[in-house]
């Protein structure tokens, strides 16, 4: 999964809890400092893992509850 060439306005698909959950289409609102922002959600640009400091989610070695892929 290559996310590095995504740009502002591109759509991605967010999977909450894995591929079995309902996919959610999101639009990229900002890309900065290795992070992809889709409205209130933040994802790691290299892995697609959701980053949430409150939940302690992030790319490995942290755990995450959702991730994005190209739409």
N, C-alpha and C. Protein backbone atom coordinates (compact mmCIF):
# COMPACT_ATOMS: atom_id res chain seq x y z
N UNK A 1 0.86 -1.18 0.00
CA UNK A 1 0.00 0.00 0.00
C UNK A 1 0.90 1.23 0.00
N UNK A 2 0.87 1.99 -1.07
CA UNK A 2 1.65 3.21 -1.14
C UNK A 2 0.72 4.40 -0.97
N UNK A 3 0.93 5.16 0.10
CA UNK A 3 0.09 6.32 0.37
C UNK A 3 0.84 7.62 0.14
N UNK A 4 2.15 7.55 -0.06
CA UNK A 4 2.99 8.73 -0.13
C UNK A 4 2.67 9.69 -1.26
N UNK A 5 2.04 9.22 -2.34
CA UNK A 5 1.75 10.12 -3.44
C UNK A 5 0.30 10.62 -3.44
N UNK A 6 -0.42 10.36 -2.34
CA UNK A 6 -1.77 10.93 -2.22
C UNK A 6 -1.67 12.44 -2.06
N UNK A 7 -2.72 13.13 -2.44
CA UNK A 7 -2.69 14.60 -2.35
C UNK A 7 -4.00 15.11 -1.75
N UNK A 8 -3.98 16.35 -1.38
CA UNK A 8 -5.13 17.03 -0.82
C UNK A 8 -6.34 16.83 -1.73
N UNK A 9 -7.47 16.44 -1.16
CA UNK A 9 -8.69 16.23 -1.93
C UNK A 9 -8.91 14.81 -2.40
N UNK A 10 -7.87 13.96 -2.35
CA UNK A 10 -8.03 12.56 -2.73
C UNK A 10 -8.91 11.85 -1.72
N UNK A 11 -9.61 10.81 -2.17
CA UNK A 11 -10.41 9.98 -1.28
C UNK A 11 -9.62 8.75 -0.87
N UNK A 12 -9.86 8.30 0.36
CA UNK A 12 -9.30 7.06 0.89
C UNK A 12 -10.44 6.29 1.53
N UNK A 13 -10.19 5.02 1.82
CA UNK A 13 -11.17 4.20 2.53
C UNK A 13 -10.61 3.88 3.91
N UNK A 14 -11.40 4.16 4.93
CA UNK A 14 -11.01 3.85 6.32
C UNK A 14 -11.71 2.55 6.73
N UNK A 15 -10.92 1.63 7.27
CA UNK A 15 -11.44 0.37 7.79
C UNK A 15 -11.29 0.39 9.30
N UNK A 16 -12.39 0.35 10.02
CA UNK A 16 -12.40 0.36 11.48
C UNK A 16 -12.50 -1.08 11.96
N UNK A 17 -11.48 -1.53 12.68
CA UNK A 17 -11.49 -2.90 13.20
C UNK A 17 -11.18 -3.96 12.16
N UNK A 18 -10.61 -3.59 11.04
CA UNK A 18 -10.25 -4.56 10.02
C UNK A 18 -11.20 -4.51 8.83
N UNK A 19 -10.99 -5.43 7.90
CA UNK A 19 -11.76 -5.45 6.65
C UNK A 19 -13.21 -5.89 6.84
N UNK A 20 -13.54 -6.49 8.00
CA UNK A 20 -14.90 -6.97 8.23
C UNK A 20 -15.87 -5.84 8.57
N UNK A 21 -15.35 -4.71 9.05
CA UNK A 21 -16.22 -3.59 9.39
C UNK A 21 -16.69 -2.85 8.15
N UNK A 22 -17.60 -1.92 8.35
CA UNK A 22 -18.11 -1.13 7.23
C UNK A 22 -17.06 -0.12 6.79
N UNK A 23 -16.66 -0.15 5.52
CA UNK A 23 -15.68 0.82 5.04
C UNK A 23 -16.28 2.22 5.02
N UNK A 24 -15.44 3.20 5.28
CA UNK A 24 -15.87 4.60 5.33
C UNK A 24 -15.01 5.41 4.37
N UNK A 25 -15.65 6.08 3.41
CA UNK A 25 -14.91 6.91 2.45
C UNK A 25 -14.62 8.26 3.11
N UNK A 26 -13.34 8.65 3.10
CA UNK A 26 -12.90 9.93 3.66
C UNK A 26 -12.14 10.71 2.60
N UNK A 27 -12.14 12.03 2.75
CA UNK A 27 -11.39 12.90 1.85
C UNK A 27 -10.21 13.50 2.62
N UNK A 28 -9.06 13.51 1.98
CA UNK A 28 -7.86 14.07 2.61
C UNK A 28 -8.00 15.59 2.69
N UNK A 29 -7.87 16.11 3.91
CA UNK A 29 -8.00 17.55 4.13
C UNK A 29 -6.66 18.23 4.38
N UNK A 30 -5.63 17.45 4.73
CA UNK A 30 -4.29 18.01 4.96
C UNK A 30 -3.28 16.88 4.98
N UNK A 31 -2.08 17.16 4.53
CA UNK A 31 -0.95 16.24 4.63
C UNK A 31 0.21 17.05 5.16
N UNK A 32 0.75 16.63 6.32
CA UNK A 32 1.82 17.41 6.94
C UNK A 32 2.62 16.54 7.90
N UNK A 33 3.93 16.68 7.85
CA UNK A 33 4.85 16.02 8.79
C UNK A 33 4.63 14.51 8.89
N UNK A 34 4.42 13.86 7.74
CA UNK A 34 4.27 12.41 7.73
C UNK A 34 2.89 11.92 8.14
N UNK A 35 1.93 12.84 8.25
CA UNK A 35 0.58 12.47 8.65
C UNK A 35 -0.42 12.87 7.58
N UNK A 36 -1.46 12.07 7.45
CA UNK A 36 -2.57 12.35 6.55
C UNK A 36 -3.78 12.67 7.41
N UNK A 37 -4.38 13.81 7.18
CA UNK A 37 -5.56 14.24 7.93
C UNK A 37 -6.79 14.11 7.05
N UNK A 38 -7.82 13.51 7.61
CA UNK A 38 -9.12 13.37 6.94
C UNK A 38 -10.16 13.89 7.92
N UNK A 39 -10.42 15.19 7.88
CA UNK A 39 -11.31 15.78 8.87
C UNK A 39 -10.73 15.56 10.26
N UNK A 40 -11.51 14.95 11.18
CA UNK A 40 -11.02 14.76 12.55
C UNK A 40 -10.08 13.57 12.73
N UNK A 41 -9.86 12.76 11.69
CA UNK A 41 -9.03 11.58 11.81
C UNK A 41 -7.63 11.84 11.25
N UNK A 42 -6.64 11.21 11.88
CA UNK A 42 -5.24 11.35 11.48
C UNK A 42 -4.65 9.97 11.25
N UNK A 43 -3.86 9.85 10.18
CA UNK A 43 -3.28 8.56 9.81
C UNK A 43 -1.80 8.73 9.47
N UNK A 44 -1.03 7.69 9.75
CA UNK A 44 0.39 7.67 9.41
C UNK A 44 0.54 7.53 7.90
N UNK A 45 1.35 8.40 7.31
CA UNK A 45 1.49 8.41 5.86
C UNK A 45 2.17 7.16 5.31
N UNK A 46 3.05 6.54 6.07
CA UNK A 46 3.77 5.39 5.54
C UNK A 46 3.04 4.06 5.75
N UNK A 47 2.21 3.94 6.80
CA UNK A 47 1.53 2.66 7.07
C UNK A 47 0.02 2.73 6.90
N UNK A 48 -0.56 3.92 6.97
CA UNK A 48 -2.01 4.06 6.91
C UNK A 48 -2.69 3.87 8.25
N UNK A 49 -1.92 3.57 9.30
CA UNK A 49 -2.48 3.34 10.63
C UNK A 49 -3.04 4.64 11.21
N UNK A 50 -4.21 4.54 11.86
CA UNK A 50 -4.77 5.72 12.52
C UNK A 50 -3.88 6.12 13.70
N UNK A 51 -3.67 7.41 13.83
CA UNK A 51 -2.88 7.96 14.93
C UNK A 51 -3.84 8.69 15.86
N UNK A 52 -3.86 8.26 17.12
CA UNK A 52 -4.72 8.89 18.12
C UNK A 52 -3.97 8.83 19.45
N UNK A 53 -3.45 9.98 19.88
CA UNK A 53 -2.66 10.01 21.11
C UNK A 53 -3.47 9.61 22.32
N UNK A 54 -4.74 10.00 22.39
CA UNK A 54 -5.60 9.67 23.53
C UNK A 54 -5.77 8.16 23.68
N UNK A 55 -5.98 7.47 22.56
CA UNK A 55 -6.15 6.02 22.57
C UNK A 55 -4.81 5.28 22.49
N UNK A 56 -3.72 6.03 22.32
CA UNK A 56 -2.37 5.48 22.15
C UNK A 56 -2.29 4.59 20.91
N UNK A 57 -2.97 5.03 19.85
CA UNK A 57 -2.93 4.35 18.57
C UNK A 57 -1.86 4.97 17.70
N UNK A 58 -1.27 4.16 16.84
CA UNK A 58 -0.29 4.66 15.89
C UNK A 58 0.32 3.51 15.12
N UNK A 59 1.32 3.83 14.31
CA UNK A 59 1.99 2.78 13.55
C UNK A 59 2.82 1.92 14.49
N UNK A 60 3.26 0.74 14.03
CA UNK A 60 4.10 -0.12 14.88
C UNK A 60 5.29 0.67 15.44
N UNK A 61 5.58 0.43 16.71
CA UNK A 61 5.17 -0.68 17.55
C UNK A 61 3.84 -0.48 18.28
N UNK A 62 3.14 0.62 18.06
CA UNK A 62 1.84 0.84 18.69
C UNK A 62 0.77 0.01 17.99
N UNK A 63 -0.37 -0.12 18.62
CA UNK A 63 -1.54 -0.77 18.03
C UNK A 63 -2.44 0.31 17.42
N UNK A 64 -3.32 -0.07 16.54
CA UNK A 64 -4.28 0.87 15.99
C UNK A 64 -5.62 0.18 15.79
N UNK A 65 -6.68 0.97 15.77
CA UNK A 65 -8.02 0.41 15.59
C UNK A 65 -8.57 0.59 14.21
N UNK A 66 -7.90 1.43 13.40
CA UNK A 66 -8.35 1.61 12.03
C UNK A 66 -7.17 1.96 11.15
N UNK A 67 -7.38 1.85 9.85
CA UNK A 67 -6.34 2.18 8.88
C UNK A 67 -7.00 2.63 7.59
N UNK A 68 -6.23 3.27 6.75
CA UNK A 68 -6.75 3.71 5.45
C UNK A 68 -6.00 3.02 4.32
N UNK A 69 -6.69 2.94 3.20
CA UNK A 69 -6.13 2.49 1.93
C UNK A 69 -6.64 3.40 0.83
N UNK A 70 -6.00 3.34 -0.30
CA UNK A 70 -6.47 4.13 -1.46
C UNK A 70 -7.90 3.75 -1.80
N UNK A 71 -8.67 4.74 -2.22
CA UNK A 71 -10.06 4.48 -2.62
C UNK A 71 -10.09 3.86 -4.00
